């Protein structure tokens, strides 16, 4: 895979308080040598941010880094203990 790139970025706000609830980050990666690709939509919630930080204190780039890290964790292949177990 030739790297996972940003394809979309959206903040979601509470319309009553104006507080940012989460950021939705779209990521895309494609292998130029084949038809293999990945498309992902990763939600970054307040608990995913570094302790004491808010969305408004974070740059978009730093939130994208968090999304890529979360994608890697969420899609990591877990060791199987028995055949057929996911």
Protein backbone atom coordinates (compact mmCIF):
# COMPACT_ATOMS: atom_id res chain seq x y z
CA UNK A 1 0.00 0.00 0.00
CA UNK A 2 1.44 3.36 -0.99
CA UNK A 3 0.30 5.14 2.13
CA UNK A 4 -3.10 6.04 3.45
CA UNK A 5 -4.21 9.55 2.56
CA UNK A 6 -6.94 11.87 3.77
CA UNK A 7 -10.07 11.83 1.60
CA UNK A 8 -12.54 13.74 3.82
CA UNK A 9 -12.70 15.50 7.17
CA UNK A 10 -15.79 16.66 9.06
CA UNK A 11 -16.47 17.96 12.54
CA UNK A 12 -19.82 17.26 14.21
CA UNK A 13 -21.08 19.87 16.69
CA UNK A 14 -23.83 19.92 19.31
CA UNK A 15 -26.27 22.51 17.98
CA UNK A 16 -27.31 23.54 21.51
CA UNK A 17 -23.89 24.02 23.08
CA UNK A 18 -21.64 24.52 20.05
CA UNK A 19 -19.27 21.91 21.49
CA UNK A 20 -17.49 19.62 19.03
CA UNK A 21 -18.76 16.07 19.53
CA UNK A 22 -16.39 14.22 17.18
CA UNK A 23 -14.43 14.35 13.96
CA UNK A 24 -15.16 11.97 11.09
CA UNK A 25 -12.03 11.26 9.05
CA UNK A 26 -12.15 9.57 5.64
CA UNK A 27 -9.00 7.71 4.63
CA UNK A 28 -8.03 6.06 1.35
CA UNK A 29 -5.06 3.97 0.32
CA UNK A 30 -4.37 2.15 -2.92
CA UNK A 31 -1.71 -0.22 -4.19
CA UNK A 32 -0.70 1.12 -7.61
CA UNK A 33 0.58 -2.31 -8.67
CA UNK A 34 -2.81 -3.99 -8.27
CA UNK A 35 -6.48 -3.40 -7.60
CA UNK A 36 -6.01 -3.58 -3.82
CA UNK A 37 -7.30 -0.61 -1.87
CA UNK A 38 -8.71 0.45 1.47
CA UNK A 39 -11.38 3.04 2.20
CA UNK A 40 -12.18 3.83 5.80
CA UNK A 41 -14.26 6.27 7.78
CA UNK A 42 -12.85 6.69 11.27
CA UNK A 43 -14.63 8.59 14.04
CA UNK A 44 -12.38 10.37 16.53
CA UNK A 45 -14.20 10.94 19.81
CA UNK A 46 -13.13 13.18 22.70
CA UNK A 47 -11.75 10.15 24.57
CA UNK A 48 -9.42 9.46 21.61
CA UNK A 49 -7.70 12.83 22.06
CA UNK A 50 -4.62 13.29 24.25
CA UNK A 51 -5.55 13.93 27.87
CA UNK A 52 -6.64 17.51 28.48
CA UNK A 53 -6.97 18.38 24.77
CA UNK A 54 -10.11 19.47 22.92
CA UNK A 55 -10.84 19.32 19.20
CA UNK A 56 -10.32 23.06 18.91
CA UNK A 57 -6.82 22.74 20.40
CA UNK A 58 -5.80 20.02 17.94
CA UNK A 59 -4.70 20.64 14.37
CA UNK A 60 -6.46 18.80 11.58
CA UNK A 61 -3.15 17.04 10.80
CA UNK A 62 -2.85 15.74 14.36
CA UNK A 63 -6.43 14.42 14.26
CA UNK A 64 -5.66 12.66 10.95
CA UNK A 65 -2.64 11.01 12.61
CA UNK A 66 -4.93 9.79 15.42
CA UNK A 67 -7.37 8.43 12.81
CA UNK A 68 -4.59 6.52 11.01
CA UNK A 69 -3.42 5.06 14.32
CA UNK A 70 -6.99 4.06 15.20
CA UNK A 71 -7.43 2.46 11.76
CA UNK A 72 -4.24 0.43 12.28
CA UNK A 73 -5.39 -0.75 15.73
CA UNK A 74 -8.94 -1.54 14.57
CA UNK A 75 -7.79 -3.56 11.54
CA UNK A 76 -4.81 -5.36 13.06
CA UNK A 77 -5.07 -9.11 12.59
CA UNK A 78 -5.49 -10.77 15.97
CA UNK A 79 -3.78 -14.08 16.60
CA UNK A 80 -6.23 -16.95 16.22
CA UNK A 81 -6.24 -19.59 18.92
CA UNK A 82 -8.44 -22.12 17.07
CA UNK A 83 -9.21 -22.63 13.38
CA UNK A 84 -12.14 -20.55 12.11
CA UNK A 85 -12.13 -18.20 15.09
CA UNK A 86 -12.22 -14.52 14.13
